[in-house]
N, C-alpha and C. Protein backbone atom coordinates (compact mmCIF):
# COMPACT_ATOMS: atom_id res chain seq x y z
N VAL A 1 82.03 103.83 53.93
CA VAL A 1 82.13 104.48 54.59
C VAL A 1 79.94 103.69 55.60
N ARG A 2 79.26 104.26 54.44
CA ARG A 2 77.79 103.59 54.60
C ARG A 2 77.80 102.16 54.58
N GLY A 3 78.64 101.23 53.07
CA GLY A 3 78.99 100.12 53.23
C GLY A 3 80.02 99.39 55.01
N TYR A 4 80.74 99.86 55.22
CA TYR A 4 81.18 99.60 56.38
C TYR A 4 80.01 99.65 57.70
N ILE A 5 79.37 100.73 57.68
CA ILE A 5 78.40 100.77 58.58
C ILE A 5 77.93 99.57 58.66
N ASP A 6 76.98 98.85 57.16
CA ASP A 6 76.15 98.36 56.69
C ASP A 6 77.03 96.71 57.46
N TYR A 7 78.11 96.49 57.60
CA TYR A 7 79.02 94.96 57.26
C TYR A 7 79.34 95.29 59.08
N TYR A 8 79.88 96.45 59.86
CA TYR A 8 79.46 96.61 61.49
C TYR A 8 78.30 96.20 61.65
N LEU A 9 77.86 96.82 61.56
CA LEU A 9 76.59 95.84 62.07
C LEU A 9 75.97 94.83 62.05
N GLU A 10 76.33 94.26 60.60
CA GLU A 10 75.74 93.02 60.06
C GLU A 10 77.02 91.87 61.21
N HIS A 11 78.39 92.34 61.53
CA HIS A 11 78.69 91.33 61.90
C HIS A 11 78.85 91.18 63.11
N VAL A 12 78.57 92.33 63.84
CA VAL A 12 78.65 92.89 65.29
C VAL A 12 77.31 92.31 65.98
N GLY A 13 76.24 92.73 64.72
CA GLY A 13 74.37 92.65 65.50
C GLY A 13 74.95 91.27 66.30
N ALA A 14 74.88 89.91 66.22
CA ALA A 14 74.87 88.64 66.89
C ALA A 14 75.32 88.62 68.20
N SER A 15 76.56 89.70 68.40
CA SER A 15 76.68 89.31 70.36
C SER A 15 76.03 90.60 70.43
N LEU A 16 74.91 91.76 70.04
CA LEU A 16 74.50 92.71 70.93
C LEU A 16 72.92 92.02 71.08
N LYS A 17 72.61 93.16 72.33
CA LYS A 17 71.40 92.98 73.06
C LYS A 17 70.10 93.48 71.53
N PRO A 18 69.29 93.02 71.41
CA PRO A 18 67.98 93.25 70.36
C PRO A 18 67.67 94.67 70.47
N GLY A 19 67.86 95.28 72.07
CA GLY A 19 67.57 96.38 71.90
C GLY A 19 69.10 97.56 71.29
N THR A 20 69.74 97.12 71.86
CA THR A 20 70.89 98.04 71.48
C THR A 20 71.01 98.09 70.33
N LEU A 21 71.35 96.80 69.75
CA LEU A 21 71.52 96.78 67.78
C LEU A 21 70.24 98.15 67.17
N VAL A 22 68.95 97.86 67.96
CA VAL A 22 68.42 98.66 67.64
C VAL A 22 68.74 100.24 67.83
N SER A 23 69.78 100.50 68.78
CA SER A 23 70.40 102.00 69.45
C SER A 23 71.52 101.86 68.30
N TYR A 24 72.09 101.02 68.21
CA TYR A 24 73.38 101.27 67.36
C TYR A 24 72.67 101.32 65.71
N ARG A 25 71.78 100.65 65.04
CA ARG A 25 71.64 101.36 63.81
C ARG A 25 70.69 103.03 63.90
N THR A 26 70.41 103.39 64.84
CA THR A 26 69.29 104.45 64.47
C THR A 26 71.03 105.13 64.57
N ALA A 27 71.98 105.59 66.04
CA ALA A 27 72.99 106.05 65.66
C ALA A 27 73.65 106.63 64.91
N LEU A 28 74.06 105.36 64.59
CA LEU A 28 74.79 104.86 63.29
C LEU A 28 74.30 105.48 61.80
N SER A 29 72.59 105.97 61.84
CA SER A 29 71.86 106.01 60.59
C SER A 29 72.74 107.54 60.62
N ARG A 30 72.20 108.39 61.58
CA ARG A 30 72.40 109.91 61.29
C ARG A 30 73.72 110.02 61.00
N TRP A 31 74.65 109.22 61.19
CA TRP A 31 76.18 109.57 60.25
C TRP A 31 75.93 109.40 58.64
N VAL A 32 74.98 108.33 58.42
CA VAL A 32 75.52 107.82 56.57
C VAL A 32 75.43 109.51 55.75
N PRO A 33 74.35 110.34 56.17
CA PRO A 33 73.70 111.65 55.39
C PRO A 33 75.49 112.35 55.56
N LEU A 34 75.41 112.76 56.99
CA LEU A 34 77.19 112.86 56.77
C LEU A 34 78.77 112.37 56.08
N VAL A 35 78.72 111.64 56.63
CA VAL A 35 80.43 110.75 55.70
C VAL A 35 79.99 110.04 55.43
N GLY A 36 78.86 109.09 54.88
CA GLY A 36 78.42 108.05 54.68
C GLY A 36 79.08 108.22 53.25
N ARG A 37 78.81 108.94 52.08
CA ARG A 37 79.86 108.96 50.49
C ARG A 37 81.36 109.48 50.24
N ILE A 38 82.31 108.88 51.91
CA ILE A 38 83.78 108.51 51.91
C ILE A 38 84.00 107.64 51.84
N GLU A 39 84.84 107.26 50.94
CA GLU A 39 85.79 106.20 51.46
C GLU A 39 86.55 105.49 52.95
N LEU A 40 86.00 105.04 53.48
CA LEU A 40 85.95 104.40 54.78
C LEU A 40 88.18 104.66 54.90
N GLY A 41 88.53 104.71 54.31
CA GLY A 41 90.01 104.69 54.24
C GLY A 41 90.77 106.28 54.53
N ARG A 42 90.04 106.73 53.47
CA ARG A 42 89.73 108.46 53.64
C ARG A 42 89.43 109.38 54.60
N LEU A 43 88.09 108.60 55.52
CA LEU A 43 87.72 109.10 56.43
C LEU A 43 88.64 109.86 57.81
N THR A 44 88.72 111.71 57.62
CA THR A 44 89.29 112.26 58.32
C THR A 44 88.61 112.55 59.62
N PRO A 45 89.62 112.92 60.74
CA PRO A 45 88.45 113.54 61.93
C PRO A 45 88.16 115.46 61.46
N LEU A 46 89.02 115.90 60.09
CA LEU A 46 87.93 116.90 60.68
C LEU A 46 86.71 116.44 59.78
N ALA A 47 86.45 115.77 58.80
CA ALA A 47 85.09 115.44 58.66
C ALA A 47 83.71 114.75 59.96
N ILE A 48 84.76 114.01 60.15
CA ILE A 48 83.80 113.31 61.33
C ILE A 48 83.65 114.69 62.71
N GLN A 49 84.17 115.34 62.88
CA GLN A 49 84.84 116.82 63.71
C GLN A 49 82.98 117.97 63.29
N GLU A 50 83.15 117.79 61.36
CA GLU A 50 82.00 118.62 60.43
C GLU A 50 80.61 118.15 60.87
N GLY A 51 80.82 116.97 60.97
CA GLY A 51 79.76 115.85 61.83
C GLY A 51 79.40 116.01 62.59
N VAL A 52 80.32 115.90 64.01
CA VAL A 52 79.71 116.11 64.88
C VAL A 52 78.76 117.91 64.78
N VAL A 53 79.70 118.76 64.61
CA VAL A 53 79.32 119.93 64.32
C VAL A 53 78.05 120.02 64.18
N GLN A 54 77.38 119.53 62.20
CA GLN A 54 75.62 119.26 62.29
C GLN A 54 74.68 118.90 62.80
N LEU A 55 75.19 117.55 63.54
CA LEU A 55 74.24 116.93 64.27
C LEU A 55 74.19 117.75 65.90
N ALA A 56 74.81 118.43 66.08
CA ALA A 56 74.61 119.29 67.44
C ALA A 56 73.70 120.57 67.25
N ALA A 57 73.55 120.73 65.93
CA ALA A 57 72.73 121.90 65.27
C ALA A 57 71.34 121.53 65.05
N THR A 58 71.24 120.48 64.42
CA THR A 58 70.38 119.57 64.58
C THR A 58 69.32 120.15 65.88
N ASP A 59 67.87 119.72 65.83
CA ASP A 59 67.10 119.61 67.07
C ASP A 59 67.08 118.46 68.09
N LEU A 60 68.23 117.86 67.53
CA LEU A 60 68.32 116.24 68.58
C LEU A 60 69.22 116.69 70.16
N ALA A 61 68.97 116.20 71.02
CA ALA A 61 69.33 116.11 72.10
C ALA A 61 71.34 116.55 72.66
N PRO A 62 71.27 116.75 73.36
CA PRO A 62 72.77 116.34 73.06
C PRO A 62 73.67 115.80 73.20
N SER A 63 72.63 115.08 74.31
CA SER A 63 72.85 113.61 74.70
C SER A 63 73.20 112.32 73.90
N THR A 64 72.00 113.00 73.13
CA THR A 64 72.13 111.99 71.71
C THR A 64 72.60 112.06 70.77
N VAL A 65 73.24 113.41 70.27
CA VAL A 65 74.45 113.82 69.80
C VAL A 65 76.22 112.37 70.25
N ARG A 66 75.85 112.86 71.08
CA ARG A 66 77.22 112.48 71.90
C ARG A 66 77.28 111.12 71.66
N GLY A 67 75.93 110.19 71.72
CA GLY A 67 75.88 108.46 72.37
C GLY A 67 75.92 108.58 70.78
N SER A 68 75.65 109.00 69.50
CA SER A 68 75.89 109.06 68.06
C SER A 68 77.26 109.00 67.78
N TYR A 69 77.88 109.98 68.22
CA TYR A 69 79.30 110.67 68.17
C TYR A 69 79.77 108.99 69.08
N THR A 70 79.54 108.35 69.79
CA THR A 70 80.34 107.28 70.58
C THR A 70 80.09 105.97 69.98
N THR A 71 78.73 105.75 69.26
CA THR A 71 78.80 104.53 68.61
C THR A 71 79.78 104.83 67.50
N LEU A 72 79.55 105.56 66.99
CA LEU A 72 81.08 105.33 65.68
C LEU A 72 82.25 105.75 65.82
N ARG A 73 82.19 105.89 66.31
CA ARG A 73 83.70 105.76 67.56
C ARG A 73 84.11 104.83 67.81
N THR A 74 82.74 103.65 68.99
CA THR A 74 83.32 101.60 68.28
C THR A 74 83.07 101.65 66.74
N ALA A 75 82.29 101.75 66.38
CA ALA A 75 82.70 101.64 65.12
C ALA A 75 83.70 101.06 64.34
N LEU A 76 84.48 102.29 64.29
CA LEU A 76 85.56 102.29 63.27
C LEU A 76 87.17 102.36 64.56
N ARG A 77 86.51 102.34 65.53
CA ARG A 77 87.47 101.66 66.80
C ARG A 77 87.69 100.16 65.96
N GLN A 78 86.34 99.53 65.91
CA GLN A 78 86.37 98.40 65.79
C GLN A 78 87.10 97.55 64.10
N ALA A 79 86.57 99.11 63.39
CA ALA A 79 87.66 98.65 61.85
C ALA A 79 88.57 98.86 62.16
N VAL A 80 89.71 99.40 63.49
CA VAL A 80 91.09 99.28 63.07
C VAL A 80 91.31 97.53 63.93
N SER A 81 90.90 97.62 64.49
CA SER A 81 90.71 96.27 65.22
C SER A 81 90.70 94.62 63.91
N TRP A 82 89.96 95.09 63.22
CA TRP A 82 89.44 94.27 61.98
C TRP A 82 90.87 94.49 60.65
N ARG A 83 91.72 96.02 60.93
CA ARG A 83 92.81 96.02 60.14
C ARG A 83 92.13 96.55 58.36
N LEU A 84 90.90 96.26 59.01
CA LEU A 84 90.58 97.62 57.36
C LEU A 84 90.98 99.26 57.19
N ILE A 85 91.16 99.36 58.75
CA ILE A 85 91.68 100.93 57.93
C ILE A 85 93.48 100.93 59.38
N PRO A 86 94.10 101.81 59.18
CA PRO A 86 95.37 101.46 60.16
C PRO A 86 95.13 102.36 61.22
N ARG A 87 94.19 104.06 61.29
CA ARG A 87 94.35 103.86 62.40
C ARG A 87 92.56 104.20 62.22
N ASP A 88 92.88 105.22 64.14
CA ASP A 88 91.34 105.80 64.82
C ASP A 88 91.36 106.71 64.01
N PRO A 89 90.07 106.97 62.87
CA PRO A 89 89.89 108.85 62.02
C PRO A 89 88.66 109.10 63.85
N THR A 90 89.07 109.24 64.62
CA THR A 90 88.16 109.43 66.42
C THR A 90 88.69 110.50 66.96
N VAL A 91 90.53 110.31 67.26
CA VAL A 91 91.86 110.51 67.41
C VAL A 91 91.36 111.75 66.73
N GLY A 92 92.11 112.73 67.88
CA GLY A 92 92.11 114.36 67.87
C GLY A 92 90.15 114.97 67.41
N VAL A 93 88.96 114.32 68.24
CA VAL A 93 88.05 114.92 67.17
C VAL A 93 87.35 115.17 68.87
N LYS A 94 86.71 116.33 68.93
CA LYS A 94 85.86 117.00 69.75
C LYS A 94 84.81 116.45 70.46
N ARG A 95 84.99 115.49 71.47
CA ARG A 95 83.31 114.55 71.58
C ARG A 95 82.17 116.31 72.05
N PRO A 96 81.37 115.86 71.59
CA PRO A 96 79.93 116.45 72.35
C PRO A 96 79.57 116.28 73.28
N ARG A 97 79.61 117.93 73.03
CA ARG A 97 79.37 118.43 74.84
C ARG A 97 78.39 118.27 75.05
N CYS A 98 77.75 117.79 76.62
CA CYS A 98 76.53 116.80 76.99
C CYS A 98 76.49 117.37 78.99
N VAL A 99 76.35 118.02 79.83
CA VAL A 99 75.63 118.15 80.12
C VAL A 99 74.91 116.97 80.77
N GLU A 100 75.38 116.48 82.15
CA GLU A 100 74.50 115.31 82.59
C GLU A 100 74.05 115.49 83.71
N SER A 101 73.05 115.62 83.67
CA SER A 101 71.60 116.21 85.11
C SER A 101 71.50 114.95 86.38
N GLU A 102 72.21 115.66 87.43
CA GLU A 102 72.37 114.82 88.32
C GLU A 102 70.62 114.11 88.49
N MET A 103 70.52 112.78 88.59
CA MET A 103 69.00 111.95 88.79
C MET A 103 68.89 111.90 90.49
N ARG A 104 67.31 112.80 90.78
CA ARG A 104 66.88 113.30 91.71
C ARG A 104 66.07 111.55 92.24
N CYS A 105 66.28 111.14 93.42
CA CYS A 105 65.60 109.55 94.16
C CYS A 105 64.92 110.54 94.29
N TRP A 106 63.27 110.08 94.94
CA TRP A 106 62.64 110.54 95.76
C TRP A 106 62.95 109.85 97.10
N SER A 107 61.85 110.57 97.83
CA SER A 107 62.48 110.72 99.38
C SER A 107 62.24 109.67 99.80
N LYS A 108 62.16 109.38 101.36
CA LYS A 108 61.09 108.11 101.40
C LYS A 108 59.60 108.32 101.99
N THR A 109 59.64 109.97 102.42
CA THR A 109 58.10 110.95 102.06
C THR A 109 56.99 110.54 100.99
N GLU A 110 58.22 111.03 100.19
CA GLU A 110 57.81 110.84 98.49
C GLU A 110 57.16 109.54 98.02
N ALA A 111 58.14 108.63 98.06
CA ALA A 111 57.74 106.75 98.03
C ALA A 111 56.41 106.70 98.33
N VAL A 112 56.72 106.71 99.69
CA VAL A 112 55.56 106.46 100.34
C VAL A 112 54.32 107.22 100.35
N ALA A 113 53.86 108.38 99.78
CA ALA A 113 53.21 108.84 99.21
C ALA A 113 52.60 108.57 97.74
N PHE A 114 53.87 107.86 97.30
CA PHE A 114 52.93 107.56 95.32
C PHE A 114 52.33 106.35 95.34
N ILE A 115 53.39 104.76 96.32
CA ILE A 115 52.00 104.07 96.54
C ILE A 115 50.85 104.28 97.04
N THR A 116 50.83 105.09 98.73
CA THR A 116 49.49 104.93 99.55
C THR A 116 48.77 105.57 98.43
N TYR A 117 48.74 106.77 97.06
CA TYR A 117 47.92 107.04 95.97
C TYR A 117 47.87 106.40 95.33
N ALA A 118 48.91 104.98 94.85
CA ALA A 118 48.93 104.06 93.38
C ALA A 118 48.10 102.87 94.89
N LEU A 119 48.06 102.21 95.60
CA LEU A 119 47.38 100.76 95.81
C LEU A 119 45.40 101.17 95.74
N GLY A 120 44.79 100.39 94.99
CA GLY A 120 43.88 99.85 94.75
C GLY A 120 43.36 100.65 93.58
N ARG A 121 44.13 102.13 92.80
CA ARG A 121 43.86 102.63 91.84
C ARG A 121 44.49 101.76 90.57
N THR A 122 45.29 100.82 89.95
CA THR A 122 46.11 100.51 89.07
C THR A 122 45.92 99.18 89.53
N ARG A 123 46.25 98.10 88.75
CA ARG A 123 46.26 96.79 88.85
C ARG A 123 48.10 97.25 88.61
N TYR A 124 49.10 98.01 88.47
CA TYR A 124 50.76 98.15 88.15
C TYR A 124 50.85 98.28 89.90
N ASP A 125 49.65 97.97 91.26
CA ASP A 125 50.59 99.27 92.13
C ASP A 125 52.15 97.81 92.75
N SER A 126 51.43 96.56 92.56
CA SER A 126 53.02 95.80 93.57
C SER A 126 53.86 95.83 92.29
N LEU A 127 53.84 96.09 91.00
CA LEU A 127 54.70 96.55 90.53
C LEU A 127 55.47 97.03 90.99
N TYR A 128 54.62 98.51 91.29
CA TYR A 128 55.47 99.74 91.72
C TYR A 128 56.23 99.92 92.81
N VAL A 129 55.43 99.25 93.80
CA VAL A 129 56.10 98.31 95.67
C VAL A 129 57.29 97.78 95.68
N MET A 130 57.51 96.80 94.12
CA MET A 130 58.63 95.89 93.98
C MET A 130 59.99 97.01 93.19
N ALA A 131 59.12 98.17 92.51
CA ALA A 131 60.68 98.87 92.10
C ALA A 131 61.41 99.64 92.36
N LEU A 132 59.96 100.17 94.02
CA LEU A 132 60.65 100.75 94.77
C LEU A 132 61.64 100.15 95.99
N ALA A 133 61.31 99.26 96.57
CA ALA A 133 61.45 97.98 97.14
C ALA A 133 63.25 97.30 96.89
N THR A 134 63.40 97.47 95.45
CA THR A 134 64.48 96.66 95.09
C THR A 134 65.26 97.80 94.34
N GLY A 135 65.20 98.20 93.01
CA GLY A 135 65.32 99.06 92.48
C GLY A 135 65.58 98.34 91.25
N ALA A 136 65.15 97.06 91.30
CA ALA A 136 64.84 97.16 89.81
C ALA A 136 64.45 97.67 88.81
N ARG A 137 64.94 97.71 87.32
CA ARG A 137 64.48 97.65 85.78
C ARG A 137 63.19 97.26 85.83
N GLY A 138 62.56 97.99 85.38
CA GLY A 138 60.85 97.27 85.05
C GLY A 138 61.21 96.66 83.77
N GLY A 139 62.56 96.01 83.13
CA GLY A 139 61.44 94.87 82.21
C GLY A 139 62.32 93.35 83.11
N GLU A 140 63.56 93.85 84.18
CA GLU A 140 63.86 92.86 85.02
C GLU A 140 62.41 92.46 85.88
N LEU A 141 61.76 93.27 86.94
CA LEU A 141 60.41 92.84 86.67
C LEU A 141 59.53 92.85 86.20
N LEU A 142 59.18 92.62 84.92
CA LEU A 142 58.13 92.48 84.61
C LEU A 142 58.33 90.43 83.62
N SER A 143 60.12 90.57 84.26
CA SER A 143 60.69 88.71 83.48
C SER A 143 60.30 87.68 84.68
N LEU A 144 60.63 88.15 85.72
CA LEU A 144 60.28 87.66 87.04
C LEU A 144 59.19 86.13 86.94
N ARG A 145 60.08 84.97 87.37
CA ARG A 145 59.31 83.71 87.39
C ARG A 145 58.79 82.95 88.95
N TRP A 146 58.45 82.66 89.18
CA TRP A 146 57.76 81.99 90.43
C TRP A 146 59.01 81.50 91.52
N ASP A 147 59.70 80.98 90.17
CA ASP A 147 61.59 80.03 90.70
C ASP A 147 62.53 80.97 91.09
N ASP A 148 62.56 82.50 90.61
CA ASP A 148 62.84 83.23 90.97
C ASP A 148 62.67 83.71 92.58
N VAL A 149 61.78 83.40 93.29
CA VAL A 149 62.02 84.30 94.39
C VAL A 149 61.19 82.85 95.14
N ASN A 150 62.72 83.77 96.62
CA ASN A 150 63.09 82.61 97.73
C ASN A 150 62.41 83.07 98.98
N TRP A 151 61.00 82.42 98.96
CA TRP A 151 60.59 82.81 100.03
C TRP A 151 60.45 82.50 101.55
N GLU A 152 61.83 82.01 102.19
CA GLU A 152 62.43 82.05 102.95
C GLU A 152 62.90 83.72 103.24
N ASN A 153 63.87 83.30 102.85
CA ASN A 153 65.13 84.86 102.35
C ASN A 153 64.54 85.97 102.38
N ALA A 154 63.20 86.08 101.95
CA ALA A 154 63.00 87.41 100.98
C ALA A 154 63.09 87.62 99.95
N THR A 155 63.59 86.73 99.55
CA THR A 155 64.47 87.74 97.92
C THR A 155 64.24 87.38 96.69
N ILE A 156 65.01 87.91 95.79
CA ILE A 156 64.79 87.80 94.74
C ILE A 156 65.78 87.32 93.63
N ARG A 157 65.58 87.06 92.67
CA ARG A 157 66.96 86.79 91.70
C ARG A 157 66.58 87.54 90.48
N ILE A 158 67.31 88.05 89.96
CA ILE A 158 66.18 88.89 88.74
C ILE A 158 68.00 88.27 87.59
N ALA A 159 67.17 87.40 86.92
CA ALA A 159 68.13 86.43 85.82
C ALA A 159 68.02 86.71 84.69
N ARG A 160 66.46 87.40 84.18
CA ARG A 160 66.41 88.54 82.84
C ARG A 160 66.05 89.38 83.04
N SER A 161 65.41 89.78 81.41
CA SER A 161 64.66 90.72 81.42
C SER A 161 64.12 90.88 80.19
N LEU A 162 62.99 91.63 80.50
CA LEU A 162 61.99 91.90 78.74
C LEU A 162 62.66 92.86 78.49
N SER A 163 62.69 93.34 77.22
CA SER A 163 62.53 94.41 76.15
C SER A 163 61.26 94.79 74.97
N TRP A 164 61.26 95.81 74.42
CA TRP A 164 60.36 95.86 73.44
C TRP A 164 61.62 96.79 72.55
N PRO A 165 62.47 96.27 71.42
CA PRO A 165 63.27 96.92 70.70
C PRO A 165 62.43 96.83 69.28
N SER A 166 62.52 98.37 69.43
CA SER A 166 61.50 98.97 68.21
C SER A 166 60.73 98.64 68.54
N GLY A 167 59.37 98.66 69.47
CA GLY A 167 58.01 98.61 70.09
C GLY A 167 57.64 97.05 68.84
N GLY A 168 58.71 96.13 68.75
CA GLY A 168 57.95 95.32 67.73
C GLY A 168 57.85 94.03 69.68
N GLN A 169 57.98 92.63 69.47
CA GLN A 169 57.48 92.04 69.96
C GLN A 169 58.72 92.26 71.16
N PRO A 170 57.97 91.81 72.70
CA PRO A 170 59.15 91.78 74.08
C PRO A 170 59.69 90.41 73.18
N VAL A 171 61.62 90.79 73.78
CA VAL A 171 62.30 89.87 73.66
C VAL A 171 62.75 89.40 75.50
N VAL A 172 63.03 89.01 75.58
CA VAL A 172 63.38 87.91 77.05
C VAL A 172 65.35 88.02 76.41
N THR A 173 66.00 88.61 77.38
CA THR A 173 67.07 89.23 77.35
C THR A 173 68.21 89.12 78.68
N ASP A 174 69.50 89.21 78.58
CA ASP A 174 70.45 88.91 80.04
C ASP A 174 70.04 90.32 80.80
N PRO A 175 69.74 90.10 81.70
CA PRO A 175 69.83 91.50 82.55
C PRO A 175 70.59 92.11 82.67
N LYS A 176 70.75 93.65 82.88
CA LYS A 176 71.58 94.65 82.75
C LYS A 176 72.94 93.78 83.79
């Protein structure tokens, strides 16, 4: 399985955004100590289920455990598509439980209070106003160019996004 994970990342990585590739590497690296020594064709749902239990017993957040499992499942489904294995060994595995907390948006009063406080106190105050007014992601706002602004219609065009995979150099990618 360890060899397949390396192969998968090498062959699928070129089609992923840099940040996504980093998160796939991180997620799959959690599985190497758990199932890495098992021959790909001998990987069973039970071995994966035991890995889920072991990951859940660590200090990782439940959403991280679930994300790592989902990435492994994606990689193994690709192995089936490539005809490296006859069936998906994640079939029958109970996914890790993850309770999603509901996102709470600021009220208009809270947003106005934040902007009122930030104005003049930070060089990012206009970025905060843009974020609240548009709902755009930080990387999308940081990658804006003058030609993305339509002054006549008071609109902006989100055409790219800026990210910092693994805290490295910034990379311009397509927006989500």
